[in-house]
Amino acid sequence: PGTLLTAAEVGLLATLGYGQIRVFRRPRVAILSTGNELADLGTEPGPGQIPNTNTYTLMAQVLEAGGDPINLGVARDRLEAIEERVRAARDADVLVSSAGVSVGELDLVREALTRAGAALHLWQVSMRPGKPITFGSLGSRPVWGLPGNPVSAMVTFELFVRPALLKMGGRRRLTRPRVRARALEVVPNPGSRRGYLRVQLEATADGLGARLTGEQGSAILRSMVAADGLAVVPPDTVVPVGAEIEVIQLRDLP
């Protein structure tokens, strides 16, 4: 158990005469985006609207984690509309929504989940980006409500949802490797929350070095595009040049 079947394993099984084996089923993950401001692909954004990016980034993350994504589309900021989409996820093993989990007048996801029968176990984590995250269960199915800002949604998926999907898929190793790197520039994390800052990693004469990918706003997706890892920085900390920081490595270095 826990062995990922690659071409080599499949070839070996065929050599040994196995036409069928028992495997873990890929978890089916329903993806729901919420918000009046979202214009889906193929539609022209109206006044005050922005492209719906979270559905597609989260679906890609589900695929990378070994799941099968189910696109529930976009629910407008009406309680009944969100509840209807939540109930439409009944054939999924997991539900992941984005946006609508903060404290605004139109942040209705938690109430919609409760009305659909979910028990909510967690709301808000002291981290940056990604504080307004919700976790619960709908029967035997785990449910996550992720923040709406694209980087916040991706980072919280990486830290909370991905390990669960790997576990459901039978994998043994559930977390990314963590490495130590020296700061190649000042890395600030002001405020009272632990920071997960997007960094590039590079080989130096003293080992791995890390530098920020640029501006760290939670809506700046290019900070994730350029990121080799997430630097984990304690609250109210300024990491000086040359100091070591812990980095969750997101991809192999060239």
Protein backbone atom coordinates (compact mmCIF):
# COMPACT_ATOMS: atom_id res chain seq x y z
CA PRO A 1 0.00 0.00 0.00
CA GLY A 2 1.09 3.56 -0.70
CA THR A 3 3.08 2.80 -3.87
CA LEU A 4 2.40 5.19 -6.73
CA LEU A 5 2.01 3.18 -9.92
CA THR A 6 4.30 4.52 -12.63
CA ALA A 7 5.08 2.95 -15.99
CA ALA A 8 7.74 0.76 -14.38
CA GLU A 9 5.36 -0.69 -11.77
CA VAL A 10 2.70 -1.33 -14.41
CA GLY A 11 5.26 -3.12 -16.58
CA LEU A 12 6.41 -5.26 -13.66
CA LEU A 13 2.82 -6.21 -12.82
CA ALA A 14 2.26 -7.27 -16.43
CA THR A 15 5.48 -9.30 -16.34
CA LEU A 16 4.19 -11.12 -13.27
CA GLY A 17 0.88 -11.84 -14.97
CA TYR A 18 -1.35 -9.45 -13.03
CA GLY A 19 -4.17 -8.13 -15.20
CA GLN A 20 -6.02 -6.61 -12.25
CA ILE A 21 -4.92 -5.35 -8.83
CA ARG A 22 -6.58 -3.55 -5.93
CA VAL A 23 -5.86 0.18 -5.86
CA PHE A 24 -7.07 3.25 -4.02
CA ARG A 25 -9.70 5.14 -5.99
CA ARG A 26 -8.82 8.70 -6.90
CA PRO A 27 -10.86 10.99 -4.62
CA ARG A 28 -13.57 12.96 -6.41
CA VAL A 29 -13.28 16.61 -5.43
CA ALA A 30 -16.07 19.09 -6.12
CA ILE A 31 -14.82 22.64 -6.71
CA LEU A 32 -17.18 25.58 -6.09
CA SER A 33 -16.34 29.25 -6.58
CA THR A 34 -18.62 31.94 -5.17
CA GLY A 35 -19.03 35.64 -5.84
CA ASN A 36 -21.09 38.13 -7.83
CA GLU A 37 -17.84 39.60 -9.12
CA LEU A 38 -16.72 36.46 -10.98
CA ALA A 39 -16.97 36.10 -14.75
CA ASP A 40 -16.33 32.54 -15.89
CA LEU A 41 -14.23 31.55 -18.88
CA GLY A 42 -15.96 32.25 -22.16
CA THR A 43 -17.95 35.19 -20.81
CA GLU A 44 -17.13 38.88 -21.04
CA PRO A 45 -16.56 40.43 -17.59
CA GLY A 46 -19.18 43.03 -16.78
CA PRO A 47 -18.65 46.23 -14.78
CA GLY A 48 -16.88 45.41 -11.53
CA GLN A 49 -16.27 41.78 -12.49
CA ILE A 50 -13.01 39.84 -12.61
CA PRO A 51 -12.10 36.52 -14.28
CA ASN A 52 -12.84 33.36 -12.31
CA THR A 53 -9.36 31.97 -11.70
CA ASN A 54 -9.84 29.92 -8.53
CA THR A 55 -11.93 27.20 -10.13
CA TYR A 56 -9.18 26.38 -12.59
CA THR A 57 -6.18 26.73 -10.28
CA LEU A 58 -7.89 24.53 -7.69
CA MET A 59 -8.87 21.94 -10.30
CA ALA A 60 -5.24 21.81 -11.42
CA GLN A 61 -4.09 21.41 -7.82
CA VAL A 62 -6.57 18.57 -7.33
CA LEU A 63 -5.17 16.78 -10.39
CA GLU A 64 -1.61 17.26 -9.12
CA ALA A 65 -2.66 15.73 -5.78
CA GLY A 66 -4.10 12.65 -7.49
CA GLY A 67 -7.78 13.60 -7.35
CA ASP A 68 -10.52 13.91 -9.96
CA PRO A 69 -11.95 17.45 -9.97
CA ILE A 70 -15.65 18.15 -10.49
CA ASN A 71 -16.45 21.70 -11.58
CA LEU A 72 -19.56 23.01 -9.79
CA GLY A 73 -19.20 26.39 -11.48
CA VAL A 74 -19.81 29.77 -9.89
CA ALA A 75 -22.52 30.44 -7.30
CA ARG A 76 -23.68 34.01 -6.89
CA ASP A 77 -23.73 35.62 -3.46
CA ARG A 78 -27.16 34.34 -2.48
CA LEU A 79 -27.60 31.86 0.33
CA GLU A 80 -29.98 29.64 -1.63
CA ALA A 81 -27.70 29.57 -4.69
CA ILE A 82 -24.67 28.51 -2.65
CA GLU A 83 -26.64 25.90 -0.70
CA GLU A 84 -27.98 24.45 -3.96
CA ARG A 85 -24.44 24.01 -5.31
CA VAL A 86 -23.26 22.47 -2.04
CA ARG A 87 -26.05 19.90 -2.24
CA ALA A 88 -25.10 19.23 -5.87
CA ALA A 89 -21.76 17.88 -4.62
CA ARG A 90 -23.41 14.78 -3.13
CA ASP A 91 -21.53 12.42 -5.47
CA ALA A 92 -18.13 13.87 -4.54
CA ASP A 93 -15.83 12.59 -1.82
CA VAL A 94 -14.64 16.09 -0.93
CA LEU A 95 -16.01 19.61 -1.36
CA VAL A 96 -13.70 22.61 -1.76
CA SER A 97 -15.15 26.09 -2.14
CA SER A 98 -13.42 29.43 -2.51
CA ALA A 99 -14.47 32.88 -1.25
CA GLY A 100 -17.37 33.78 0.98
CA VAL A 101 -15.79 32.63 4.27
CA SER A 102 -14.74 35.94 5.82
CA VAL A 103 -16.91 38.37 7.82
CA GLY A 104 -18.55 40.49 5.12
CA GLU A 105 -22.27 40.82 4.49
CA LEU A 106 -22.01 38.56 1.44
CA ASP A 107 -19.74 35.94 3.02
CA LEU A 108 -22.40 33.24 3.09
CA VAL A 109 -20.54 29.97 2.58
CA ARG A 110 -20.39 28.92 6.23
CA GLU A 111 -24.13 29.47 6.67
CA ALA A 112 -24.87 27.64 3.42
CA LEU A 113 -22.76 24.68 4.55
CA THR A 114 -24.58 24.56 7.87
CA ARG A 115 -27.98 24.71 6.16
CA ALA A 116 -26.91 21.83 3.92
CA GLY A 117 -26.13 19.74 7.01
CA ALA A 118 -22.40 20.29 7.47
CA ALA A 119 -20.75 20.39 10.89
CA LEU A 120 -18.09 23.11 10.98
CA HIS A 121 -15.00 22.34 13.03
CA LEU A 122 -12.65 25.23 12.29
CA TRP A 123 -12.76 28.83 11.14
CA GLN A 124 -9.74 31.09 10.68
CA VAL A 125 -6.07 30.21 10.99
CA SER A 126 -3.41 32.69 12.09
CA MET A 127 -1.46 32.66 8.83
CA ARG A 128 -0.66 34.98 5.94
CA PRO A 129 -1.98 34.58 3.32
CA GLY A 130 -5.11 32.59 4.03
CA LYS A 131 -6.58 33.50 7.43
CA PRO A 132 -10.30 33.02 6.59
CA ILE A 133 -10.39 29.26 6.02
CA THR A 134 -13.22 26.96 7.12
CA PHE A 135 -13.12 23.21 7.63
CA GLY A 136 -16.02 20.90 8.36
CA SER A 137 -17.68 17.62 7.48
CA LEU A 138 -20.81 16.89 5.49
CA GLY A 139 -21.68 13.40 6.61
CA SER A 140 -18.47 11.45 6.03
CA ARG A 141 -17.11 13.94 3.51
CA PRO A 142 -14.55 16.61 4.40
CA VAL A 143 -15.44 20.15 3.39
CA TRP A 144 -13.08 23.12 3.03
CA GLY A 145 -14.04 26.73 2.50
CA LEU A 146 -10.93 28.49 1.20
CA PRO A 147 -10.34 32.24 0.91
CA GLY A 148 -11.25 34.04 -2.30
CA ASN A 149 -7.96 35.73 -3.12
CA PRO A 150 -6.14 33.50 -5.63
CA VAL A 151 -2.84 33.15 -3.76
CA SER A 152 -4.63 32.57 -0.45
CA ALA A 153 -6.72 29.83 -2.06
CA MET A 154 -3.66 28.13 -3.54
CA VAL A 155 -1.57 28.31 -0.36
CA THR A 156 -4.35 27.02 1.91
CA PHE A 157 -5.08 24.19 -0.54
CA GLU A 158 -1.39 23.29 -0.50
CA LEU A 159 -1.17 23.23 3.30
CA PHE A 160 -4.54 21.74 4.26
CA VAL A 161 -6.32 20.06 1.35
CA ARG A 162 -3.46 18.44 -0.54
CA PRO A 163 -2.27 16.22 2.36
CA ALA A 164 -5.83 14.99 2.90
CA LEU A 165 -6.25 14.07 -0.77
CA LEU A 166 -2.94 12.22 -0.75
CA LYS A 167 -4.07 10.30 2.34
CA MET A 168 -7.39 9.43 0.71
CA GLY A 169 -5.49 8.22 -2.34
CA GLY A 170 -3.40 5.82 -0.26
CA ARG A 171 -0.14 7.74 -0.36
CA ARG A 172 2.32 7.40 2.50
CA ARG A 173 4.22 10.65 2.12
CA LEU A 174 1.71 13.43 2.67
CA THR A 175 3.84 16.56 2.93
CA ARG A 176 6.33 18.39 0.75
CA PRO A 177 10.03 18.33 1.62
CA ARG A 178 11.28 21.17 3.80
CA VAL A 179 14.72 22.65 3.24
CA ARG A 180 16.86 25.28 4.92
CA ALA A 181 17.96 28.24 2.82
CA ARG A 182 19.81 31.47 3.47
CA ALA A 183 17.96 34.70 2.79
CA LEU A 184 19.49 36.50 -0.20
CA GLU A 185 17.52 39.62 0.69
CA VAL A 186 15.63 40.95 3.69
CA VAL A 187 12.42 38.93 4.17
CA PRO A 188 9.86 40.83 6.26
CA ASN A 189 6.72 39.34 7.81
CA PRO A 190 5.02 42.13 9.77
CA GLY A 191 1.97 41.51 11.91
CA SER A 192 0.74 38.77 14.21
CA ARG A 193 0.37 35.91 11.72
CA ARG A 194 2.83 33.28 10.52
CA GLY A 195 3.86 34.02 6.95
CA TYR A 196 4.05 31.61 4.03
CA LEU A 197 5.97 33.79 1.62
CA ARG A 198 6.63 32.85 -1.98
CA VAL A 199 10.34 32.49 -2.72
CA GLN A 200 12.68 31.42 -5.47
CA LEU A 201 15.47 29.03 -4.54
CA GLU A 202 18.93 29.08 -6.07
CA ALA A 203 22.19 27.26 -5.48
CA THR A 204 24.97 29.38 -3.97
CA ALA A 205 28.48 28.68 -2.71
CA ASP A 206 27.00 28.42 0.80
CA GLY A 207 24.13 26.11 -0.15
CA LEU A 208 20.58 27.05 -1.03
CA GLY A 209 19.58 30.69 -1.13
CA ALA A 210 16.07 32.15 -1.14
CA ARG A 211 14.68 35.43 -2.39
CA LEU A 212 11.12 36.71 -2.57
CA THR A 213 9.32 36.34 -5.88
CA GLY A 214 8.30 39.99 -5.72
CA GLU A 215 5.25 41.62 -4.20
CA GLN A 216 3.48 39.25 -1.82
CA GLY A 217 -0.11 40.44 -2.12
CA SER A 218 -2.69 37.66 -1.90
CA ALA A 219 -4.13 38.56 -5.31
CA ILE A 220 -0.79 38.50 -7.16
CA LEU A 221 -0.74 35.11 -8.88
CA ARG A 222 2.61 35.73 -10.53
CA SER A 223 4.16 35.35 -7.07
CA MET A 224 3.05 31.69 -7.19
CA VAL A 225 4.07 31.20 -10.82
CA ALA A 226 7.66 32.11 -9.95
CA ALA A 227 7.75 30.31 -6.59
CA ASP A 228 9.97 27.31 -5.90
CA GLY A 229 8.73 27.22 -2.32
CA LEU A 230 6.99 28.84 0.62
CA ALA A 231 9.24 30.43 3.23
CA VAL A 232 7.79 29.86 6.69
CA VAL A 233 8.42 33.04 8.69
CA PRO A 234 7.27 33.58 12.30
CA PRO A 235 4.96 36.49 13.15
CA ASP A 236 6.37 40.01 13.45
CA THR A 237 9.76 38.97 12.08
CA VAL A 238 12.27 40.51 9.72
CA VAL A 239 14.71 37.90 8.41
CA PRO A 240 18.06 39.58 7.67
CA VAL A 241 20.27 38.78 4.71
CA GLY A 242 22.25 35.61 5.37
CA ALA A 243 19.94 34.21 8.04
CA GLU A 244 18.47 30.74 7.58
CA ILE A 245 14.80 30.25 6.86
CA GLU A 246 12.69 27.13 6.48
CA VAL A 247 11.18 26.63 3.02
CA ILE A 248 8.45 24.22 1.95
CA GLN A 249 9.75 23.14 -1.45
CA LEU A 250 6.98 23.17 -4.06
CA ARG A 251 8.95 21.85 -7.02
CA ASP A 252 12.27 20.35 -7.98
CA LEU A 253 15.05 22.73 -8.86
CA PRO A 254 16.51 22.60 -12.39
